[in-house]
Structure formats: structure tokens, C-alpha cells
Amino acid sequence: MKIKKIEPNDRNITYIGIKENVEKSYVFLKGVSKVSGDIQWYVSVKKYDISDAEKLFDEENFIDIFKMGVRISNVTRWA
């Protein structure tokens, strides 16, 4: 998985990740709860063409990922 640390933000998202060497990938997000401080793992609802996933990754564009929908991820401990 390709992983990138995200600059501090108001959503407390700390990392973004995408699969490598694939045609399509979900976008994975790691965050920290503002209430409990617990680590939270999310995955996009949409499976993106890799070019779109790479663009979201490069731009650290987690806002658009949230707009398209996210769910709790079973893929954890990647960052």
C-alpha cells in the first residue's frame, strides 16, 4: 500500500493510503477521534480508477472522499 502522512486538519485525518499496482483502488484513511482520541480507520465507498485514486492521494483530497462516502474499514494498522 502507498501511504502518505497528511498535514494537520480540522477532521483529524492523519494518513491516506491507496493500493499499488492495481487498476482500481479504494482510498483508505486513518484518523483520530476528537472525542476519545482513539484511532479510526475508514475506506471509501467507491472503488476509484487508479488514476483518480492517485490524484486524490497526491492532493491529500480526503474531503471529496468523505463527500462520496466512507465506511469503517476492516483494513487497519497500515500506517
PDB file of N, CA and C in Angstrom:
ATOM      1  N   MET A   1       0.847  -1.174   0.000  1.00  0.00           N
ATOM      2  CA  MET A   1       0.000   0.000   0.000  1.00  0.00           C
ATOM      3  C   MET A   1       0.891   1.234   0.000  1.00  0.00           C
ATOM      4  N   LYS A   2       0.489   2.221  -0.786  1.00  0.00           N
ATOM      5  CA  LYS A   2       1.169   3.508  -0.843  1.00  0.00           C
ATOM      6  C   LYS A   2       0.547   4.390   0.242  1.00  0.00           C
ATOM      7  N   ILE A   3       1.370   4.926   1.129  1.00  0.00           N
ATOM      8  CA  ILE A   3       0.887   5.651   2.315  1.00  0.00           C
ATOM      9  C   ILE A   3       1.498   7.045   2.368  1.00  0.00           C
ATOM     10  N   LYS A   4       0.694   7.995   2.831  1.00  0.00           N
ATOM     11  CA  LYS A   4       1.174   9.372   2.946  1.00  0.00           C
ATOM     12  C   LYS A   4       0.612  10.009   4.212  1.00  0.00           C
ATOM     13  N   LYS A   5       1.483  10.678   4.970  1.00  0.00           N
ATOM     14  CA  LYS A   5       1.045  11.441   6.145  1.00  0.00           C
ATOM     15  C   LYS A   5       0.431  12.750   5.662  1.00  0.00           C
ATOM     16  N   ILE A   6      -0.713  13.109   6.225  1.00  0.00           N
ATOM     17  CA  ILE A   6      -1.448  14.309   5.833  1.00  0.00           C
ATOM     18  C   ILE A   6      -1.163  15.434   6.826  1.00  0.00           C
ATOM     19  N   GLU A   7      -1.102  16.642   6.306  1.00  0.00           N
ATOM     20  CA  GLU A   7      -0.909  17.816   7.159  1.00  0.00           C
ATOM     21  C   GLU A   7      -2.059  17.929   8.156  1.00  0.00           C
ATOM     22  N   PRO A   8      -1.816  18.510   9.338  1.00  0.00           N
ATOM     23  CA  PRO A   8      -2.891  18.678  10.333  1.00  0.00           C
ATOM     24  C   PRO A   8      -4.118  19.361   9.714  1.00  0.00           C
ATOM     25  N   ASN A   9      -5.321  18.865  10.097  1.00  0.00           N
ATOM     26  CA  ASN A   9      -6.560  19.380   9.516  1.00  0.00           C
ATOM     27  C   ASN A   9      -7.688  19.286  10.540  1.00  0.00           C
ATOM     28  N   ASP A  10      -8.809  19.937  10.241  1.00  0.00           N
ATOM     29  CA  ASP A  10      -9.916  20.002  11.200  1.00  0.00           C
ATOM     30  C   ASP A  10     -10.692  18.696  11.333  1.00  0.00           C
ATOM     31  N   ARG A  11     -10.472  17.731  10.451  1.00  0.00           N
ATOM     32  CA  ARG A  11     -11.142  16.422  10.538  1.00  0.00           C
ATOM     33  C   ARG A  11     -10.289  15.379  11.265  1.00  0.00           C
ATOM     34  N   ASN A  12      -9.086  15.757  11.653  1.00  0.00           N
ATOM     35  CA  ASN A  12      -8.159  14.850  12.345  1.00  0.00           C
ATOM     36  C   ASN A  12      -7.800  13.619  11.518  1.00  0.00           C
ATOM     37  N   ILE A  13      -7.811  13.758  10.188  1.00  0.00           N
ATOM     38  CA  ILE A  13      -7.329  12.686   9.322  1.00  0.00           C
ATOM     39  C   ILE A  13      -5.813  12.803   9.271  1.00  0.00           C
ATOM     40  N   THR A  14      -5.114  11.711   9.558  1.00  0.00           N
ATOM     41  CA  THR A  14      -3.664  11.768   9.689  1.00  0.00           C
ATOM     42  C   THR A  14      -2.908  11.090   8.543  1.00  0.00           C
ATOM     43  N   TYR A  15      -3.532  10.082   7.907  1.00  0.00           N
ATOM     44  CA  TYR A  15      -2.874   9.371   6.806  1.00  0.00           C
ATOM     45  C   TYR A  15      -3.888   9.029   5.727  1.00  0.00           C
ATOM     46  N   ILE A  16      -3.371   8.905   4.497  1.00  0.00           N
ATOM     47  CA  ILE A  16      -4.163   8.453   3.362  1.00  0.00           C
ATOM     48  C   ILE A  16      -3.376   7.328   2.692  1.00  0.00           C
ATOM     49  N   GLY A  17      -4.098   6.352   2.174  1.00  0.00           N
ATOM     50  CA  GLY A  17      -3.429   5.230   1.511  1.00  0.00           C
ATOM     51  C   GLY A  17      -4.231   4.716   0.334  1.00  0.00           C
ATOM     52  N   ILE A  18      -3.515   4.182  -0.663  1.00  0.00           N
ATOM     53  CA  ILE A  18      -4.148   3.521  -1.811  1.00  0.00           C
ATOM     54  C   ILE A  18      -3.343   2.272  -2.136  1.00  0.00           C
ATOM     55  N   LYS A  19      -3.995   1.334  -2.809  1.00  0.00           N
ATOM     56  CA  LYS A  19      -3.310   0.118  -3.253  1.00  0.00           C
ATOM     57  C   LYS A  19      -2.379   0.474  -4.405  1.00  0.00           C
ATOM     58  N   GLU A  20      -1.327  -0.316  -4.570  1.00  0.00           N
ATOM     59  CA  GLU A  20      -0.384  -0.109  -5.664  1.00  0.00           C
ATOM     60  C   GLU A  20      -0.479  -1.252  -6.667  1.00  0.00           C
ATOM     61  N   ASN A  21      -0.089  -0.965  -7.907  1.00  0.00           N
ATOM     62  CA  ASN A  21      -0.023  -1.973  -8.967  1.00  0.00           C
ATOM     63  C   ASN A  21      -1.370  -2.633  -9.230  1.00  0.00           C
ATOM     64  N   VAL A  22      -2.429  -1.842  -9.215  1.00  0.00           N
ATOM     65  CA  VAL A  22      -3.778  -2.327  -9.492  1.00  0.00           C
ATOM     66  C   VAL A  22      -4.461  -1.359 -10.460  1.00  0.00           C
ATOM     67  N   GLU A  23      -5.565  -1.788 -11.064  1.00  0.00           N
ATOM     68  CA  GLU A  23      -6.314  -0.915 -11.968  1.00  0.00           C
ATOM     69  C   GLU A  23      -7.305  -0.038 -11.220  1.00  0.00           C
ATOM     70  N   LYS A  24      -7.812  -0.532 -10.078  1.00  0.00           N
ATOM     71  CA  LYS A  24      -8.764   0.226  -9.253  1.00  0.00           C
ATOM     72  C   LYS A  24      -8.366   0.084  -7.787  1.00  0.00           C
ATOM     73  N   SER A  25      -8.673   1.118  -7.009  1.00  0.00           N
ATOM     74  CA  SER A  25      -8.347   1.066  -5.586  1.00  0.00           C
ATOM     75  C   SER A  25      -9.370   1.857  -4.778  1.00  0.00           C
ATOM     76  N   TYR A  26      -9.669   1.335  -3.611  1.00  0.00           N
ATOM     77  CA  TYR A  26     -10.352   2.138  -2.609  1.00  0.00           C
ATOM     78  C   TYR A  26      -9.324   3.107  -2.047  1.00  0.00           C
ATOM     79  N   VAL A  27      -9.798   4.170  -1.412  1.00  0.00           N
ATOM     80  CA  VAL A  27      -8.901   5.095  -0.727  1.00  0.00           C
ATOM     81  C   VAL A  27      -9.093   4.868   0.768  1.00  0.00           C
ATOM     82  N   PHE A  28      -7.997   4.656   1.472  1.00  0.00           N
ATOM     83  CA  PHE A  28      -8.019   4.357   2.898  1.00  0.00           C
ATOM     84  C   PHE A  28      -7.581   5.586   3.681  1.00  0.00           C
ATOM     85  N   LEU A  29      -8.259   5.822   4.803  1.00  0.00           N
ATOM     86  CA  LEU A  29      -7.957   6.974   5.653  1.00  0.00           C
ATOM     87  C   LEU A  29      -7.775   6.524   7.094  1.00  0.00           C
ATOM     88  N   LYS A  30      -6.825   7.145   7.758  1.00  0.00           N
ATOM     89  CA  LYS A  30      -6.624   6.928   9.195  1.00  0.00           C
ATOM     90  C   LYS A  30      -6.854   8.265   9.884  1.00  0.00           C
ATOM     91  N   GLY A  31      -7.611   8.237  10.957  1.00  0.00           N
ATOM     92  CA  GLY A  31      -7.887   9.457  11.694  1.00  0.00           C
ATOM     93  C   GLY A  31      -7.848   9.227  13.191  1.00  0.00           C
ATOM     94  N   VAL A  32      -8.022  10.314  13.921  1.00  0.00           N
ATOM     95  CA  VAL A  32      -8.036  10.263  15.382  1.00  0.00           C
ATOM     96  C   VAL A  32      -9.327  10.915  15.854  1.00  0.00           C
ATOM     97  N   SER A  33     -10.078  10.213  16.699  1.00  0.00           N
ATOM     98  CA  SER A  33     -11.324  10.737  17.234  1.00  0.00           C
ATOM     99  C   SER A  33     -11.067  12.008  18.047  1.00  0.00           C
ATOM    100  N   LYS A  34     -11.866  13.036  17.775  1.00  0.00           N
ATOM    101  CA  LYS A  34     -11.750  14.274  18.543  1.00  0.00           C
ATOM    102  C   LYS A  34     -12.268  14.084  19.972  1.00  0.00           C
ATOM    103  N   VAL A  35     -13.160  13.112  20.173  1.00  0.00           N
ATOM    104  CA  VAL A  35     -13.773  12.889  21.481  1.00  0.00           C
ATOM    105  C   VAL A  35     -12.910  11.984  22.352  1.00  0.00           C
ATOM    106  N   SER A  36     -12.588  10.799  21.838  1.00  0.00           N
ATOM    107  CA  SER A  36     -11.894   9.802  22.665  1.00  0.00           C
ATOM    108  C   SER A  36     -10.387   9.721  22.411  1.00  0.00           C
ATOM    109  N   GLY A  37      -9.936  10.240  21.264  1.00  0.00           N
ATOM    110  CA  GLY A  37      -8.526  10.120  20.905  1.00  0.00           C
ATOM    111  C   GLY A  37      -8.177   8.774  20.298  1.00  0.00           C
ATOM    112  N   ASP A  38      -9.194   7.912  20.105  1.00  0.00           N
ATOM    113  CA  ASP A  38      -8.961   6.595  19.518  1.00  0.00           C
ATOM    114  C   ASP A  38      -8.632   6.712  18.034  1.00  0.00           C
ATOM    115  N   ILE A  39      -7.832   5.774  17.532  1.00  0.00           N
ATOM    116  CA  ILE A  39      -7.533   5.685  16.110  1.00  0.00           C
ATOM    117  C   ILE A  39      -8.776   5.184  15.388  1.00  0.00           C
ATOM    118  N   GLN A  40      -9.077   5.792  14.243  1.00  0.00           N
ATOM    119  CA  GLN A  40     -10.225   5.395  13.435  1.00  0.00           C
ATOM    120  C   GLN A  40      -9.759   5.102  12.019  1.00  0.00           C
ATOM    121  N   TRP A  41     -10.271   4.007  11.432  1.00  0.00           N
ATOM    122  CA  TRP A  41      -9.889   3.562  10.096  1.00  0.00           C
ATOM    123  C   TRP A  41     -11.096   3.644   9.187  1.00  0.00           C
ATOM    124  N   TYR A  42     -10.941   4.305   8.040  1.00  0.00           N
ATOM    125  CA  TYR A  42     -12.025   4.464   7.075  1.00  0.00           C
ATOM    126  C   TYR A  42     -11.583   3.982   5.701  1.00  0.00           C
ATOM    127  N   VAL A  43     -12.559   3.660   4.871  1.00  0.00           N
ATOM    128  CA  VAL A  43     -12.298   3.313   3.474  1.00  0.00           C
ATOM    129  C   VAL A  43     -13.399   3.955   2.639  1.00  0.00           C
ATOM    130  N   SER A  44     -13.035   4.391   1.448  1.00  0.00           N
ATOM    131  CA  SER A  44     -14.023   4.986   0.554  1.00  0.00           C
ATOM    132  C   SER A  44     -15.059   3.941   0.171  1.00  0.00           C
ATOM    133  N   VAL A  45     -16.277   4.386  -0.048  1.00  0.00           N
ATOM    134  CA  VAL A  45     -17.333   3.503  -0.525  1.00  0.00           C
ATOM    135  C   VAL A  45     -17.064   3.160  -1.995  1.00  0.00           C
ATOM    136  N   LYS A  46     -16.535   4.133  -2.716  1.00  0.00           N
ATOM    137  CA  LYS A  46     -16.259   3.968  -4.149  1.00  0.00           C
ATOM    138  C   LYS A  46     -14.870   3.371  -4.370  1.00  0.00           C
ATOM    139  N   LYS A  47     -14.788   2.466  -5.333  1.00  0.00           N
ATOM    140  CA  LYS A  47     -13.502   1.941  -5.785  1.00  0.00           C
ATOM    141  C   LYS A  47     -13.112   2.763  -7.016  1.00  0.00           C
ATOM    142  N   TYR A  48     -12.060   3.551  -6.899  1.00  0.00           N
ATOM    143  CA  TYR A  48     -11.664   4.501  -7.929  1.00  0.00           C
ATOM    144  C   TYR A  48     -10.744   3.862  -8.964  1.00  0.00           C
ATOM    145  N   ASP A  49     -10.833   4.353 -10.222  1.00  0.00           N
ATOM    146  CA  ASP A  49      -9.788   4.027 -11.193  1.00  0.00           C
ATOM    147  C   ASP A  49      -8.484   4.506 -10.583  1.00  0.00           C
ATOM    148  N   ILE A  50      -7.403   3.792 -10.805  1.00  0.00           N
ATOM    149  CA  ILE A  50      -6.150   4.100 -10.117  1.00  0.00           C
ATOM    150  C   ILE A  50      -5.676   5.528 -10.398  1.00  0.00           C
ATOM    151  N   SER A  51      -5.936   6.043 -11.598  1.00  0.00           N
ATOM    152  CA  SER A  51      -5.518   7.423 -11.892  1.00  0.00           C
ATOM    153  C   SER A  51      -6.266   8.418 -11.002  1.00  0.00           C
ATOM    154  N   ASP A  52      -7.546   8.174 -10.765  1.00  0.00           N
ATOM    155  CA  ASP A  52      -8.320   9.051  -9.874  1.00  0.00           C
ATOM    156  C   ASP A  52      -7.887   8.873  -8.419  1.00  0.00           C
ATOM    157  N   ALA A  53      -7.627   7.645  -8.017  1.00  0.00           N
ATOM    158  CA  ALA A  53      -7.164   7.380  -6.646  1.00  0.00           C
ATOM    159  C   ALA A  53      -5.814   8.056  -6.408  1.00  0.00           C
ATOM    160  N   GLU A  54      -4.921   7.982  -7.398  1.00  0.00           N
ATOM    161  CA  GLU A  54      -3.609   8.625  -7.255  1.00  0.00           C
ATOM    162  C   GLU A  54      -3.739  10.138  -7.166  1.00  0.00           C
ATOM    163  N   LYS A  55      -4.677  10.709  -7.916  1.00  0.00           N
ATOM    164  CA  LYS A  55      -4.893  12.160  -7.852  1.00  0.00           C
ATOM    165  C   LYS A  55      -5.398  12.558  -6.464  1.00  0.00           C
ATOM    166  N   LEU A  56      -6.392  11.838  -5.938  1.00  0.00           N
ATOM    167  CA  LEU A  56      -6.887  12.116  -4.586  1.00  0.00           C
ATOM    168  C   LEU A  56      -5.769  11.974  -3.563  1.00  0.00           C
ATOM    169  N   PHE A  57      -4.949  10.941  -3.724  1.00  0.00           N
ATOM    170  CA  PHE A  57      -3.810  10.684  -2.837  1.00  0.00           C
ATOM    171  C   PHE A  57      -2.804  11.832  -2.908  1.00  0.00           C
ATOM    172  N   ASP A  58      -2.384  12.188  -4.128  1.00  0.00           N
ATOM    173  CA  ASP A  58      -1.372  13.238  -4.305  1.00  0.00           C
ATOM    174  C   ASP A  58      -1.835  14.577  -3.754  1.00  0.00           C
ATOM    175  N   GLU A  59      -3.135  14.868  -3.918  1.00  0.00           N
ATOM    176  CA  GLU A  59      -3.691  16.142  -3.446  1.00  0.00           C
ATOM    177  C   GLU A  59      -4.143  16.085  -1.988  1.00  0.00           C
ATOM    178  N   GLU A  60      -4.014  14.906  -1.353  1.00  0.00           N
ATOM    179  CA  GLU A  60      -4.496  14.708   0.020  1.00  0.00           C
ATOM    180  C   GLU A  60      -5.958  15.130   0.133  1.00  0.00           C
ATOM    181  N   ASN A  61      -6.746  14.780  -0.870  1.00  0.00           N
ATOM    182  CA  ASN A  61      -8.111  15.274  -1.001  1.00  0.00           C
ATOM    183  C   ASN A  61      -9.113  14.360  -0.284  1.00  0.00           C
ATOM    184  N   PHE A  62      -9.008  14.297   1.020  1.00  0.00           N
ATOM    185  CA  PHE A  62      -9.918  13.442   1.790  1.00  0.00           C
ATOM    186  C   PHE A  62     -11.324  14.033   1.881  1.00  0.00           C
ATOM    187  N   ILE A  63     -11.469  15.341   1.656  1.00  0.00           N
ATOM    188  CA  ILE A  63     -12.788  15.979   1.702  1.00  0.00           C
ATOM    189  C   ILE A  63     -13.695  15.392   0.620  1.00  0.00           C
ATOM    190  N   ASP A  64     -13.198  15.271  -0.614  1.00  0.00           N
ATOM    191  CA  ASP A  64     -14.004  14.686  -1.686  1.00  0.00           C
ATOM    192  C   ASP A  64     -14.301  13.218  -1.426  1.00  0.00           C
ATOM    193  N   ILE A  65     -13.384  12.524  -0.771  1.00  0.00           N
ATOM    194  CA  ILE A  65     -13.618  11.120  -0.424  1.00  0.00           C
ATOM    195  C   ILE A  65     -14.777  11.029   0.568  1.00  0.00           C
ATOM    196  N   PHE A  66     -14.785  11.904   1.568  1.00  0.00           N
ATOM    197  CA  PHE A  66     -15.894  11.932   2.526  1.00  0.00           C
ATOM    198  C   PHE A  66     -17.208  12.270   1.829  1.00  0.00           C
ATOM    199  N   LYS A  67     -17.173  13.206   0.877  1.00  0.00           N
ATOM    200  CA  LYS A  67     -18.388  13.594   0.156  1.00  0.00           C
ATOM    201  C   LYS A  67     -18.972  12.418  -0.626  1.00  0.00           C
ATOM    202  N   MET A  68     -18.109  11.581  -1.194  1.00  0.00           N
ATOM    203  CA  MET A  68     -18.559  10.422  -1.971  1.00  0.00           C
ATOM    204  C   MET A  68     -18.994   9.276  -1.056  1.00  0.00           C
ATOM    205  N   GLY A  69     -18.570   9.335   0.210  1.00  0.00           N
ATOM    206  CA  GLY A  69     -18.973   8.338   1.190  1.00  0.00           C
ATOM    207  C   GLY A  69     -17.817   7.485   1.670  1.00  0.00           C
ATOM    208  N   VAL A  70     -17.784   7.272   2.966  1.00  0.00           N
ATOM    209  CA  VAL A  70     -16.793   6.388   3.588  1.00  0.00           C
ATOM    210  C   VAL A  70     -17.503   5.465   4.565  1.00  0.00           C
ATOM    211  N   ARG A  71     -16.836   4.394   4.900  1.00  0.00           N
ATOM    212  CA  ARG A  71     -17.340   3.469   5.913  1.00  0.00           C
ATOM    213  C   ARG A  71     -16.161   3.048   6.783  1.00  0.00           C
ATOM    214  N   ILE A  72     -16.469   2.451   7.919  1.00  0.00           N
ATOM    215  CA  ILE A  72     -15.429   1.912   8.783  1.00  0.00           C
ATOM    216  C   ILE A  72     -14.699   0.812   8.018  1.00  0.00           C
ATOM    217  N   SER A  73     -13.386   0.814   8.088  1.00  0.00           N
ATOM    218  CA  SER A  73     -12.581  -0.137   7.327  1.00  0.00           C
ATOM    219  C   SER A  73     -12.161  -1.327   8.176  1.00  0.00           C
ATOM    220  N   ASN A  74     -12.169  -2.495   7.549  1.00  0.00           N
ATOM    221  CA  ASN A  74     -11.608  -3.694   8.168  1.00  0.00           C
ATOM    222  C   ASN A  74     -10.110  -3.774   7.939  1.00  0.00           C
ATOM    223  N   VAL A  75      -9.604  -2.979   7.015  1.00  0.00           N
ATOM    224  CA  VAL A  75      -8.165  -2.918   6.739  1.00  0.00           C
ATOM    225  C   VAL A  75      -7.593  -1.877   7.688  1.00  0.00           C
ATOM    226  N   THR A  76      -6.801  -2.325   8.649  1.00  0.00           N
ATOM    227  CA  THR A  76      -6.262  -1.432   9.670  1.00  0.00           C
ATOM    228  C   THR A  76      -4.764  -1.656   9.821  1.00  0.00           C
ATOM    229  N   ARG A  77      -4.166  -0.850  10.644  1.00  0.00           N
ATOM    230  CA  ARG A  77      -2.734  -0.964  11.001  1.00  0.00           C
ATOM    231  C   ARG A  77      -1.797  -0.862   9.810  1.00  0.00           C
ATOM    232  N   TRP A  78      -2.188  -0.107   8.801  1.00  0.00           N
ATOM    233  CA  TRP A  78      -1.339   0.096   7.635  1.00  0.00           C
ATOM    234  C   TRP A  78      -0.479   1.347   7.742  1.00  0.00           C
ATOM    235  N   ALA A  79      -0.747   2.174   8.743  1.00  0.00           N
ATOM    236  CA  ALA A  79       0.050   3.392   8.944  1.00  0.00           C
ATOM    237  C   ALA A  79       0.312   3.571  10.422  1.00  0.00           C
TER     238      ALA A  79
END
